[in-house]
Amino acid sequence: MEAVVPQEITAELTQILANLVLGDNKIRSNAEKAVNDRLAQTPDLYLLALVQFAIAADTEVASSQSADMIAVYQAAYF
């Protein structure tokens, strides 16, 4: 699948998703804040990036985590 999200967004989201599964509460909390901030600033771009991850992530964990985040966002805003 061809990527439609800019590489810098994909790289940033990759790091945020990786931080969300860490055991360190401070790092995870910062990642949660980053997700919320990005979704508030440019929801269409970050939702598209999450969909892209859900479909084509390298690991099942990342794919599942992306799908979960989409569902949470959808429940909160739609």
C-alpha atoms as a PDB file:
ATOM      1  CA  MET A   1       0.000   0.000   0.000  1.00  0.00           C
ATOM      2  CA  GLU A   2       1.284   3.435  -0.897  1.00  0.00           C
ATOM      3  CA  ALA A   3       1.672   5.795   2.039  1.00  0.00           C
ATOM      4  CA  VAL A   4      -0.478   8.910   1.940  1.00  0.00           C
ATOM      5  CA  VAL A   5       0.754  10.393   5.214  1.00  0.00           C
ATOM      6  CA  PRO A   6       3.977  12.433   5.173  1.00  0.00           C
ATOM      7  CA  GLN A   7       7.016  10.525   6.421  1.00  0.00           C
ATOM      8  CA  GLU A   8       7.646  12.927   9.310  1.00  0.00           C
ATOM      9  CA  ILE A   9       4.120  12.300  10.644  1.00  0.00           C
ATOM     10  CA  THR A  10       4.573   8.556  10.282  1.00  0.00           C
ATOM     11  CA  ALA A  11       7.921   8.691  12.109  1.00  0.00           C
ATOM     12  CA  GLU A  12       6.486  10.809  14.912  1.00  0.00           C
ATOM     13  CA  LEU A  13       3.461   8.555  15.313  1.00  0.00           C
ATOM     14  CA  THR A  14       5.697   5.469  15.331  1.00  0.00           C
ATOM     15  CA  GLN A  15       7.606   6.905  18.282  1.00  0.00           C
ATOM     16  CA  ILE A  16       4.415   7.935  20.091  1.00  0.00           C
ATOM     17  CA  LEU A  17       2.887   4.466  19.659  1.00  0.00           C
ATOM     18  CA  ALA A  18       6.097   2.837  20.902  1.00  0.00           C
ATOM     19  CA  ASN A  19       6.053   5.066  23.989  1.00  0.00           C
ATOM     20  CA  LEU A  20       2.431   4.203  24.753  1.00  0.00           C
ATOM     21  CA  VAL A  21       3.338   0.595  25.513  1.00  0.00           C
ATOM     22  CA  LEU A  22       6.316   1.320  27.762  1.00  0.00           C
ATOM     23  CA  GLY A  23       6.152   0.582  31.470  1.00  0.00           C
ATOM     24  CA  ASP A  24       7.363   4.054  32.459  1.00  0.00           C
ATOM     25  CA  ASN A  25       4.301   6.068  33.511  1.00  0.00           C
ATOM     26  CA  LYS A  26       5.888   9.442  32.743  1.00  0.00           C
ATOM     27  CA  ILE A  27       6.848   8.432  29.192  1.00  0.00           C
ATOM     28  CA  ARG A  28       3.435   6.847  28.591  1.00  0.00           C
ATOM     29  CA  SER A  29       1.660   9.916  29.991  1.00  0.00           C
ATOM     30  CA  ASN A  30       3.674  12.193  27.700  1.00  0.00           C
ATOM     31  CA  ALA A  31       2.797   9.966  24.740  1.00  0.00           C
ATOM     32  CA  GLU A  32      -0.900  10.108  25.620  1.00  0.00           C
ATOM     33  CA  LYS A  33      -0.685  13.911  25.781  1.00  0.00           C
ATOM     34  CA  ALA A  34       1.108  13.975  22.428  1.00  0.00           C
ATOM     35  CA  VAL A  35      -1.632  11.868  20.819  1.00  0.00           C
ATOM     36  CA  ASN A  36      -4.337  14.120  22.213  1.00  0.00           C
ATOM     37  CA  ASP A  37      -2.498  17.258  21.100  1.00  0.00           C
ATOM     38  CA  ARG A  38      -1.919  15.951  17.568  1.00  0.00           C
ATOM     39  CA  LEU A  39      -5.528  14.825  17.208  1.00  0.00           C
ATOM     40  CA  ALA A  40      -6.733  18.230  18.414  1.00  0.00           C
ATOM     41  CA  GLN A  41      -4.443  20.123  16.015  1.00  0.00           C
ATOM     42  CA  THR A  42      -4.836  18.097  12.823  1.00  0.00           C
ATOM     43  CA  PRO A  43      -7.331  15.299  13.416  1.00  0.00           C
ATOM     44  CA  ASP A  44      -7.740  14.363   9.760  1.00  0.00           C
ATOM     45  CA  LEU A  45      -4.016  13.845   9.233  1.00  0.00           C
ATOM     46  CA  TYR A  46      -3.435  11.855  12.417  1.00  0.00           C
ATOM     47  CA  LEU A  47      -6.566   9.754  11.968  1.00  0.00           C
ATOM     48  CA  LEU A  48      -5.402   8.944   8.463  1.00  0.00           C
ATOM     49  CA  ALA A  49      -1.994   8.012   9.881  1.00  0.00           C
ATOM     50  CA  LEU A  50      -3.648   5.768  12.490  1.00  0.00           C
ATOM     51  CA  VAL A  51      -5.721   4.071   9.792  1.00  0.00           C
ATOM     52  CA  GLN A  52      -2.574   3.547   7.749  1.00  0.00           C
ATOM     53  CA  PHE A  53      -0.905   1.965  10.804  1.00  0.00           C
ATOM     54  CA  ALA A  54      -3.943  -0.193  11.551  1.00  0.00           C
ATOM     55  CA  ILE A  55      -3.832  -1.582   8.024  1.00  0.00           C
ATOM     56  CA  ALA A  56      -0.109  -1.869   7.378  1.00  0.00           C
ATOM     57  CA  ALA A  57       1.796  -1.828  10.687  1.00  0.00           C
ATOM     58  CA  ASP A  58       4.848  -4.057  10.997  1.00  0.00           C
ATOM     59  CA  THR A  59       3.547  -5.681  14.156  1.00  0.00           C
ATOM     60  CA  GLU A  60       0.160  -6.869  15.300  1.00  0.00           C
ATOM     61  CA  VAL A  61       0.550  -4.841  18.500  1.00  0.00           C
ATOM     62  CA  ALA A  62       0.958  -1.577  16.561  1.00  0.00           C
ATOM     63  CA  SER A  63      -1.918  -2.454  14.263  1.00  0.00           C
ATOM     64  CA  SER A  64      -4.204  -3.314  17.153  1.00  0.00           C
ATOM     65  CA  GLN A  65      -3.161  -0.279  19.155  1.00  0.00           C
ATOM     66  CA  SER A  66      -3.883   2.002  16.186  1.00  0.00           C
ATOM     67  CA  ALA A  67      -7.311   0.465  15.671  1.00  0.00           C
ATOM     68  CA  ASP A  68      -8.072   0.911  19.371  1.00  0.00           C
ATOM     69  CA  MET A  69      -7.070   4.569  19.246  1.00  0.00           C
ATOM     70  CA  ILE A  70      -9.336   5.140  16.238  1.00  0.00           C
ATOM     71  CA  ALA A  71     -12.250   3.557  18.097  1.00  0.00           C
ATOM     72  CA  VAL A  72     -11.631   5.698  21.188  1.00  0.00           C
ATOM     73  CA  TYR A  73     -11.427   8.861  19.110  1.00  0.00           C
ATOM     74  CA  GLN A  74     -14.569   7.944  17.207  1.00  0.00           C
ATOM     75  CA  ALA A  75     -16.496   7.269  20.428  1.00  0.00           C
ATOM     76  CA  ALA A  76     -15.380  10.568  21.925  1.00  0.00           C
ATOM     77  CA  TYR A  77     -16.032  12.825  18.942  1.00  0.00           C
ATOM     78  CA  PHE A  78     -18.705  11.235  16.784  1.00  0.00           C
END
